[in-house]
Amino acid sequence: MPDTPHERRLGQVAGLFLRLGCTAFGGPAAHIAMMHEETVVRRQWLTDQEFLDLVGATNLIPGPNSTEMAIHIGLRRAGWPGLIVAGSCFILPAVLIVLVLAWLYVRLGSTPQAGWLLYGIKPVIIAIVLQALWILGRKAVKDRLGLAVLVLLFALYFMKVNEIALLLAGGCTVMLVANCRRGQRNFAAALLPLGGAGLASMASVPVDLSRLFLIFLKIGSVLYGGGYVLLAFLRADLVARYGWLSDQQLIDAVAIGQLTPGPLFTTATFIGFLLAGVPGALLATLGIFLPSFIFVAISNPLIPRMRKSAWIGSFLDGVNVASLALMAAVTVQLGQASLVDPATIVIALASLALLVRYRVNSTWLIAAGALIGVLAGLL
């Protein structure tokens, strides 16, 4: 048994994020919703405002948002050891599962099919995200300005406006308007368009472990925008530049990342195994996740100071609203892919009712959804 309050907190962090690492399907929006339920609603480790501020902060730094949320929460709950434990426990289950699937892939030449499992899980995920959006939205949208920004950015997302531009636009708009209302006349700033240079493909070169590590370290250090942007970065380096993967192998790797619980960035584990076995898998995983631990360690102490500043605090309010707009937009896309027939709609509505009315633990709902999917596959 742990002897001190700190050790108990560290054990609580380890247990929670190890369980979430095994059950958190559905991508970053779903992961964050589950973390909100567990750490704000059930355990009260954080307030809604503190949780929102962490969500906003993770959107402003590169890397996998849900993993960075786990790291932030671990640091807040159990100090620097909690930072390491929370992130590692959230990542580890997915890494182990992906390693097994990569081993099977190398021998069988294709990815296992898990559509029957996800058929029942995805509608539950939609319910979990909707509940989190409602709870967080009531806290984040403080006035008509916040509501207007949320609706506008939600619409702009579907017009393919860059996600980082939307976050900065939301933050700057709320900051300027809110502080002008207070009579402050300072005026800011400019948004620079984000662009990329074209890549010339090269002939295949031998796989080198140090180069493999540096590729994934670079991606983890600069990547914003989620799974589709990850796919673009991976293709640019591993398919076009070095010729280490085929397009089909890359698609299979991303599919494995989506089929497993935990962070999508464990796609790196799969690719590393394909290219260089277990050493490649471990180095690729370390490379892509290491920057997140560093960015959170640097940014976490700054968040309370940001909240105390009138200007930066209102900027963070705007980023929080923008984050919820993006989360809502992604939920619409997930819903279109998940609610495919009357049965999945019923599963989603029943899950939402159980969450709101009876506060049923989301892990049990996911397990029930998986069971329903299995039964549907058998029938």
Protein backbone atom coordinates (compact mmCIF):
# COMPACT_ATOMS: atom_id res chain seq x y z
CA MET A 1 0.00 0.00 0.00
CA PRO A 2 1.28 3.53 -0.74
CA ASP A 3 2.47 5.23 2.47
CA THR A 4 2.14 8.93 1.65
CA PRO A 5 -0.54 11.11 0.03
CA HIS A 6 1.85 11.78 -2.87
CA GLU A 7 2.37 8.07 -3.48
CA ARG A 8 -1.38 7.49 -3.33
CA ARG A 9 -1.91 10.24 -5.89
CA LEU A 10 0.74 8.74 -8.13
CA GLY A 11 -0.96 5.35 -7.88
CA GLN A 12 -4.32 6.93 -8.73
CA VAL A 13 -2.80 8.60 -11.80
CA ALA A 14 -1.18 5.36 -12.93
CA GLY A 15 -4.37 3.33 -12.49
CA LEU A 16 -6.60 5.84 -14.29
CA PHE A 17 -4.41 6.41 -17.33
CA LEU A 18 -3.49 2.76 -17.68
CA ARG A 19 -7.21 1.97 -17.84
CA LEU A 20 -7.88 4.81 -20.27
CA GLY A 21 -4.96 3.62 -22.39
CA CYS A 22 -6.72 0.25 -22.70
CA THR A 23 -10.24 1.59 -23.37
CA ALA A 24 -9.99 5.07 -24.94
CA PHE A 25 -11.12 4.47 -28.51
CA GLY A 26 -12.29 7.12 -30.93
CA GLY A 27 -9.50 9.69 -31.31
CA PRO A 28 -8.44 12.80 -29.37
CA ALA A 29 -11.92 14.35 -28.98
CA ALA A 30 -13.23 11.13 -27.42
CA HIS A 31 -10.12 10.70 -25.25
CA ILE A 32 -10.46 14.24 -23.88
CA ALA A 33 -14.15 13.68 -23.19
CA MET A 34 -13.34 10.53 -21.21
CA MET A 35 -10.61 12.36 -19.28
CA HIS A 36 -13.10 15.11 -18.43
CA GLU A 37 -15.59 12.59 -17.08
CA GLU A 38 -12.96 10.82 -14.99
CA THR A 39 -10.93 13.77 -13.66
CA VAL A 40 -13.56 16.54 -13.37
CA VAL A 41 -16.96 14.87 -12.99
CA ARG A 42 -16.08 11.69 -11.08
CA ARG A 43 -12.86 12.44 -9.19
CA GLN A 44 -12.91 16.27 -9.05
CA TRP A 45 -9.16 16.54 -9.52
CA LEU A 46 -9.74 19.66 -11.64
CA THR A 47 -12.46 22.25 -12.10
CA ASP A 48 -14.14 22.70 -15.48
CA GLN A 49 -12.19 25.95 -15.96
CA GLU A 50 -8.85 24.32 -15.16
CA PHE A 51 -9.63 21.46 -17.54
CA LEU A 52 -10.62 23.91 -20.30
CA ASP A 53 -7.40 25.85 -19.83
CA LEU A 54 -5.39 22.66 -20.23
CA VAL A 55 -7.32 21.80 -23.41
CA GLY A 56 -6.58 25.25 -24.79
CA ALA A 57 -2.90 24.95 -23.89
CA THR A 58 -2.54 21.56 -25.60
CA ASN A 59 -4.03 23.01 -28.78
CA LEU A 60 -1.34 25.69 -28.84
CA ILE A 61 1.60 23.26 -28.80
CA PRO A 62 2.52 20.55 -31.32
CA GLY A 63 1.89 16.87 -30.67
CA PRO A 64 -0.98 14.52 -29.79
CA ASN A 65 -3.53 16.52 -27.80
CA SER A 66 -5.01 13.71 -25.72
CA THR A 67 -1.57 12.41 -24.70
CA GLU A 68 -0.57 15.92 -23.70
CA MET A 69 -3.77 16.24 -21.67
CA ALA A 70 -2.84 13.04 -19.82
CA ILE A 71 0.63 14.46 -19.13
CA HIS A 72 -0.80 17.81 -17.94
CA ILE A 73 -3.26 16.11 -15.59
CA GLY A 74 -0.58 13.78 -14.22
CA LEU A 75 1.66 16.78 -13.49
CA ARG A 76 -1.18 18.66 -11.78
CA ARG A 77 -2.22 15.65 -9.69
CA ALA A 78 1.12 14.09 -8.71
CA GLY A 79 3.91 16.48 -9.62
CA TRP A 80 6.83 15.68 -11.90
CA PRO A 81 6.63 11.89 -11.35
CA GLY A 82 2.96 12.15 -12.35
CA LEU A 83 3.97 13.79 -15.63
CA ILE A 84 6.01 10.73 -16.60
CA VAL A 85 3.61 8.14 -15.16
CA ALA A 86 0.41 9.55 -16.70
CA GLY A 87 1.86 9.90 -20.19
CA SER A 88 3.60 6.54 -20.12
CA CYS A 89 0.57 4.66 -18.78
CA PHE A 90 -1.70 6.23 -21.42
CA ILE A 91 0.71 5.36 -24.25
CA LEU A 92 1.95 1.90 -23.14
CA PRO A 93 -1.19 -0.24 -23.73
CA ALA A 94 -1.55 1.02 -27.30
CA VAL A 95 2.15 0.47 -27.97
CA LEU A 96 1.94 -3.15 -26.82
CA ILE A 97 -1.24 -3.81 -28.82
CA VAL A 98 0.25 -2.21 -31.93
CA LEU A 99 3.44 -4.25 -31.55
CA VAL A 100 1.38 -7.47 -31.56
CA LEU A 101 -0.61 -6.31 -34.59
CA ALA A 102 2.57 -5.29 -36.40
CA TRP A 103 4.06 -8.74 -35.74
CA LEU A 104 0.91 -10.34 -37.18
CA TYR A 105 0.96 -7.93 -40.12
CA VAL A 106 4.52 -8.85 -41.05
CA ARG A 107 3.58 -12.53 -41.06
CA LEU A 108 0.09 -12.31 -42.56
CA GLY A 109 0.63 -9.37 -44.88
CA SER A 110 -2.58 -7.54 -43.95
CA THR A 111 -4.29 -5.79 -41.04
CA PRO A 112 -6.78 -7.66 -38.85
CA GLN A 113 -10.41 -6.69 -39.36
CA ALA A 114 -12.13 -5.15 -36.33
CA GLY A 115 -15.14 -3.47 -37.91
CA TRP A 116 -17.55 -5.60 -35.87
CA LEU A 117 -15.92 -4.37 -32.66
CA LEU A 118 -15.96 -0.69 -33.61
CA TYR A 119 -19.57 -0.93 -34.82
CA GLY A 120 -20.75 -0.97 -31.21
CA ILE A 121 -18.00 1.21 -29.71
CA LYS A 122 -18.24 4.22 -32.02
CA PRO A 123 -21.82 5.24 -31.09
CA VAL A 124 -20.84 5.13 -27.39
CA ILE A 125 -17.91 7.41 -28.16
CA ILE A 126 -20.27 9.91 -29.81
CA ALA A 127 -22.39 9.99 -26.63
CA ILE A 128 -19.32 10.53 -24.42
CA VAL A 129 -18.10 13.43 -26.58
CA LEU A 130 -21.56 15.05 -26.69
CA GLN A 131 -21.79 14.97 -22.90
CA ALA A 132 -18.34 16.58 -22.55
CA LEU A 133 -19.19 19.24 -25.14
CA TRP A 134 -22.33 20.19 -23.21
CA ILE A 135 -20.57 20.40 -19.83
CA LEU A 136 -17.50 22.24 -21.11
CA GLY A 137 -19.53 24.48 -23.42
CA ARG A 138 -21.57 25.86 -20.52
CA LYS A 139 -18.30 26.92 -18.87
CA ALA A 140 -16.38 28.10 -21.93
CA VAL A 141 -19.12 30.08 -23.68
CA LYS A 142 -19.46 32.94 -21.20
CA ASP A 143 -21.41 35.45 -23.32
CA ARG A 144 -22.78 36.20 -26.77
CA LEU A 145 -19.28 36.94 -28.05
CA GLY A 146 -18.11 33.45 -27.12
CA LEU A 147 -21.18 31.89 -28.73
CA ALA A 148 -20.65 33.89 -31.94
CA VAL A 149 -16.98 32.89 -32.11
CA LEU A 150 -17.85 29.23 -31.54
CA VAL A 151 -20.49 29.17 -34.30
CA LEU A 152 -18.27 31.05 -36.77
CA LEU A 153 -15.23 28.84 -36.21
CA PHE A 154 -17.38 25.70 -36.37
CA ALA A 155 -18.53 26.81 -39.84
CA LEU A 156 -15.03 27.83 -40.97
CA TYR A 157 -13.68 24.39 -40.03
CA PHE A 158 -15.87 22.84 -42.73
CA MET A 159 -14.53 25.42 -45.20
CA LYS A 160 -11.09 23.83 -44.71
CA VAL A 161 -9.59 26.79 -42.82
CA ASN A 162 -6.36 25.80 -41.07
CA GLU A 163 -6.95 24.59 -37.50
CA ILE A 164 -4.12 26.64 -36.00
CA ALA A 165 -5.40 29.76 -37.75
CA LEU A 166 -8.84 29.09 -36.22
CA LEU A 167 -7.38 28.72 -32.72
CA LEU A 168 -5.38 31.93 -33.03
CA ALA A 169 -8.32 33.78 -34.58
CA GLY A 170 -10.59 32.69 -31.73
CA GLY A 171 -8.05 33.70 -29.10
CA CYS A 172 -7.26 37.07 -30.67
CA THR A 173 -10.92 37.95 -31.29
CA VAL A 174 -12.03 37.32 -27.71
CA MET A 175 -8.89 38.97 -26.31
CA LEU A 176 -9.33 42.17 -28.35
CA VAL A 177 -13.07 42.55 -27.91
CA ALA A 178 -13.07 41.67 -24.21
CA ASN A 179 -10.24 44.06 -23.38
CA CYS A 180 -11.56 46.87 -25.55
CA ARG A 181 -14.71 46.62 -23.46
CA ARG A 182 -12.54 47.24 -20.41
CA GLY A 183 -11.24 50.41 -22.00
CA GLN A 184 -7.80 49.11 -22.92
CA ARG A 185 -6.66 50.38 -26.28
CA ASN A 186 -3.69 48.22 -27.11
CA PHE A 187 -4.19 46.59 -30.49
CA ALA A 188 -2.58 43.42 -31.87
CA ALA A 189 -1.54 41.50 -34.49
CA ALA A 190 -1.29 39.51 -37.60
CA LEU A 191 -1.84 35.91 -38.58
CA LEU A 192 0.66 34.51 -41.02
CA PRO A 193 -0.58 31.89 -43.48
CA LEU A 194 0.90 28.47 -42.97
CA GLY A 195 2.36 26.78 -45.98
CA GLY A 196 4.68 23.98 -47.02
CA ALA A 197 7.33 23.40 -49.60
CA GLY A 198 7.09 20.71 -52.20
CA LEU A 199 9.10 17.52 -51.83
CA ALA A 200 11.02 15.72 -54.48
CA SER A 201 10.84 11.94 -54.19
CA MET A 202 14.06 9.99 -53.98
CA ALA A 203 15.10 6.48 -54.56
CA SER A 204 14.83 4.09 -51.63
CA VAL A 205 17.72 4.35 -49.16
CA PRO A 206 18.64 1.85 -46.44
CA VAL A 207 16.77 2.17 -43.15
CA ASP A 208 18.97 3.77 -40.51
CA LEU A 209 17.88 3.70 -36.85
CA SER A 210 19.24 7.13 -35.97
CA ARG A 211 17.58 8.69 -39.01
CA LEU A 212 14.33 6.86 -38.19
CA PHE A 213 14.40 8.29 -34.65
CA LEU A 214 15.11 11.81 -35.91
CA ILE A 215 12.25 11.66 -38.44
CA PHE A 216 9.73 10.82 -35.73
CA LEU A 217 11.30 13.31 -33.30
CA LYS A 218 10.85 16.02 -35.94
CA ILE A 219 7.22 15.01 -36.56
CA GLY A 220 6.42 15.00 -32.84
CA SER A 221 8.05 18.44 -32.49
CA VAL A 222 6.16 20.26 -35.25
CA LEU A 223 2.92 18.41 -36.00
CA TYR A 224 -0.39 20.19 -35.52
CA GLY A 225 -3.74 19.09 -36.88
CA GLY A 226 -4.33 15.45 -36.00
CA GLY A 227 -4.42 12.22 -37.97
CA TYR A 228 -4.76 13.51 -41.51
CA VAL A 229 -1.82 15.88 -41.06
CA LEU A 230 0.18 13.02 -39.51
CA LEU A 231 -0.52 10.98 -42.64
CA ALA A 232 0.84 13.81 -44.81
CA PHE A 233 4.03 14.13 -42.75
CA LEU A 234 4.66 10.38 -42.76
CA ARG A 235 4.13 10.09 -46.48
CA ALA A 236 6.44 12.99 -47.23
CA ASP A 237 9.38 11.43 -45.38
CA LEU A 238 8.85 7.67 -45.43
CA VAL A 239 7.28 7.18 -48.86
CA ALA A 240 8.35 10.14 -51.01
CA ARG A 241 11.75 11.09 -49.58
CA TYR A 242 13.30 7.80 -48.44
CA GLY A 243 11.14 5.14 -50.10
CA TRP A 244 11.00 3.05 -46.92
CA LEU A 245 7.22 2.38 -47.15
CA SER A 246 4.66 1.90 -49.86
CA ASP A 247 1.45 3.92 -49.83
CA GLN A 248 -0.51 0.78 -48.92
CA GLN A 249 1.75 0.06 -45.97
CA LEU A 250 1.31 3.64 -44.77
CA ILE A 251 -2.48 3.40 -45.03
CA ASP A 252 -2.41 0.09 -43.13
CA ALA A 253 -0.25 1.69 -40.41
CA VAL A 254 -2.69 4.57 -39.90
CA ALA A 255 -5.61 2.11 -39.89
CA ILE A 256 -3.95 0.14 -37.08
CA GLY A 257 -3.52 3.36 -35.11
CA GLN A 258 -7.24 4.10 -35.49
CA LEU A 259 -8.36 0.57 -34.56
CA THR A 260 -6.48 0.48 -31.26
CA PRO A 261 -7.24 2.42 -28.06
CA GLY A 262 -5.05 5.28 -26.92
CA PRO A 263 -3.20 7.83 -29.05
CA LEU A 264 -3.22 7.61 -32.86
CA PHE A 265 0.49 8.45 -32.81
CA THR A 266 1.23 4.79 -31.99
CA THR A 267 1.12 4.52 -35.77
CA ALA A 268 4.82 5.28 -35.28
CA THR A 269 5.23 2.03 -33.32
CA PHE A 270 3.76 0.03 -36.20
CA ILE A 271 5.93 1.73 -38.83
CA GLY A 272 9.07 1.38 -36.72
CA PHE A 273 8.45 -2.38 -36.36
CA LEU A 274 7.89 -2.76 -40.10
CA LEU A 275 11.15 -0.98 -40.88
CA ALA A 276 13.49 -2.22 -38.15
CA GLY A 277 11.77 -4.67 -35.82
CA VAL A 278 11.44 -4.04 -32.08
CA PRO A 279 14.35 -1.54 -31.90
CA GLY A 280 12.76 0.49 -34.70
CA ALA A 281 9.36 0.37 -32.99
CA LEU A 282 10.78 1.60 -29.68
CA LEU A 283 12.86 4.38 -31.24
CA ALA A 284 10.00 5.61 -33.44
CA THR A 285 7.64 5.63 -30.44
CA LEU A 286 10.15 7.48 -28.25
CA GLY A 287 10.85 10.00 -31.01
CA ILE A 288 7.24 10.95 -31.70
CA PHE A 289 6.11 11.19 -28.05
CA LEU A 290 9.20 12.69 -26.37
CA PRO A 291 8.49 16.29 -27.49
CA SER A 292 5.04 16.18 -25.85
CA PHE A 293 6.55 15.55 -22.42
CA ILE A 294 8.99 18.45 -22.94
CA PHE A 295 6.35 20.89 -24.24
CA VAL A 296 3.98 20.12 -21.36
CA ALA A 297 6.76 20.47 -18.78
CA ILE A 298 7.55 23.93 -20.18
CA SER A 299 3.99 25.19 -20.73
CA ASN A 300 2.16 23.82 -17.66
CA PRO A 301 3.61 26.26 -15.09
CA LEU A 302 2.72 29.18 -17.37
CA ILE A 303 -1.02 28.41 -17.57
CA PRO A 304 -2.01 29.87 -14.14
CA ARG A 305 -0.02 33.03 -14.95
CA MET A 306 -1.80 33.30 -18.29
CA ARG A 307 -5.16 33.04 -16.53
CA LYS A 308 -4.29 35.93 -14.15
CA SER A 309 -3.47 38.33 -17.00
CA ALA A 310 -6.48 40.23 -18.37
CA TRP A 311 -5.18 40.11 -21.93
CA ILE A 312 -3.68 36.63 -22.00
CA GLY A 313 -6.53 35.20 -19.90
CA SER A 314 -9.11 36.44 -22.41
CA PHE A 315 -6.93 35.08 -25.23
CA LEU A 316 -7.06 31.70 -23.49
CA ASP A 317 -10.85 32.05 -23.19
CA GLY A 318 -11.00 32.49 -26.97
CA VAL A 319 -8.74 29.51 -27.57
CA ASN A 320 -10.98 27.42 -25.30
CA VAL A 321 -14.06 28.39 -27.34
CA ALA A 322 -12.17 27.65 -30.57
CA SER A 323 -11.08 24.26 -29.20
CA LEU A 324 -14.69 23.37 -28.47
CA ALA A 325 -15.72 24.50 -31.96
CA LEU A 326 -13.11 22.15 -33.46
CA MET A 327 -14.17 19.36 -31.10
CA ALA A 328 -17.81 19.84 -32.14
CA ALA A 329 -16.89 19.82 -35.83
CA VAL A 330 -14.88 16.60 -35.43
CA THR A 331 -17.84 15.08 -33.56
CA VAL A 332 -20.07 15.80 -36.56
CA GLN A 333 -17.60 13.97 -38.80
CA LEU A 334 -17.33 11.07 -36.35
CA GLY A 335 -21.12 10.90 -36.14
CA GLN A 336 -21.46 10.62 -39.90
CA ALA A 337 -19.08 7.66 -39.87
CA SER A 338 -20.45 6.03 -36.71
CA LEU A 339 -24.24 6.44 -36.74
CA VAL A 340 -24.85 4.38 -39.84
CA ASP A 341 -28.18 2.67 -39.08
CA PRO A 342 -31.04 2.69 -36.53
CA ALA A 343 -29.18 0.31 -34.20
CA THR A 344 -26.13 2.58 -33.85
CA ILE A 345 -28.39 5.61 -33.28
CA VAL A 346 -30.17 3.72 -30.48
CA ILE A 347 -26.82 2.76 -28.93
CA ALA A 348 -25.68 6.40 -28.97
CA LEU A 349 -28.94 7.74 -27.46
CA ALA A 350 -29.04 5.03 -24.79
CA SER A 351 -25.40 5.70 -23.88
CA LEU A 352 -26.04 9.44 -23.64
CA ALA A 353 -29.05 8.85 -21.38
CA LEU A 354 -27.04 6.54 -19.10
CA LEU A 355 -24.20 9.06 -18.90
CA VAL A 356 -26.41 12.06 -18.14
CA ARG A 357 -29.08 10.47 -15.95
CA TYR A 358 -27.16 7.76 -14.09
CA ARG A 359 -23.50 8.80 -14.60
CA VAL A 360 -22.53 5.30 -15.69
CA ASN A 361 -18.76 4.94 -16.06
CA SER A 362 -17.78 5.36 -19.70
CA THR A 363 -15.49 2.30 -19.55
CA TRP A 364 -18.50 0.06 -18.88
CA LEU A 365 -20.42 1.67 -21.72
CA ILE A 366 -17.52 1.06 -24.11
CA ALA A 367 -17.34 -2.57 -22.99
CA ALA A 368 -21.10 -2.93 -23.56
CA GLY A 369 -20.75 -1.34 -27.00
CA ALA A 370 -17.97 -3.77 -27.89
CA LEU A 371 -20.13 -6.69 -26.76
CA ILE A 372 -23.04 -5.45 -28.87
CA GLY A 373 -20.67 -5.17 -31.83
CA VAL A 374 -19.42 -8.72 -31.33
CA LEU A 375 -22.99 -10.04 -31.15
CA ALA A 376 -23.94 -8.08 -34.25
CA GLY A 377 -20.99 -9.60 -36.08
CA LEU A 378 -21.97 -13.12 -35.04
CA LEU A 379 -25.58 -12.60 -36.11
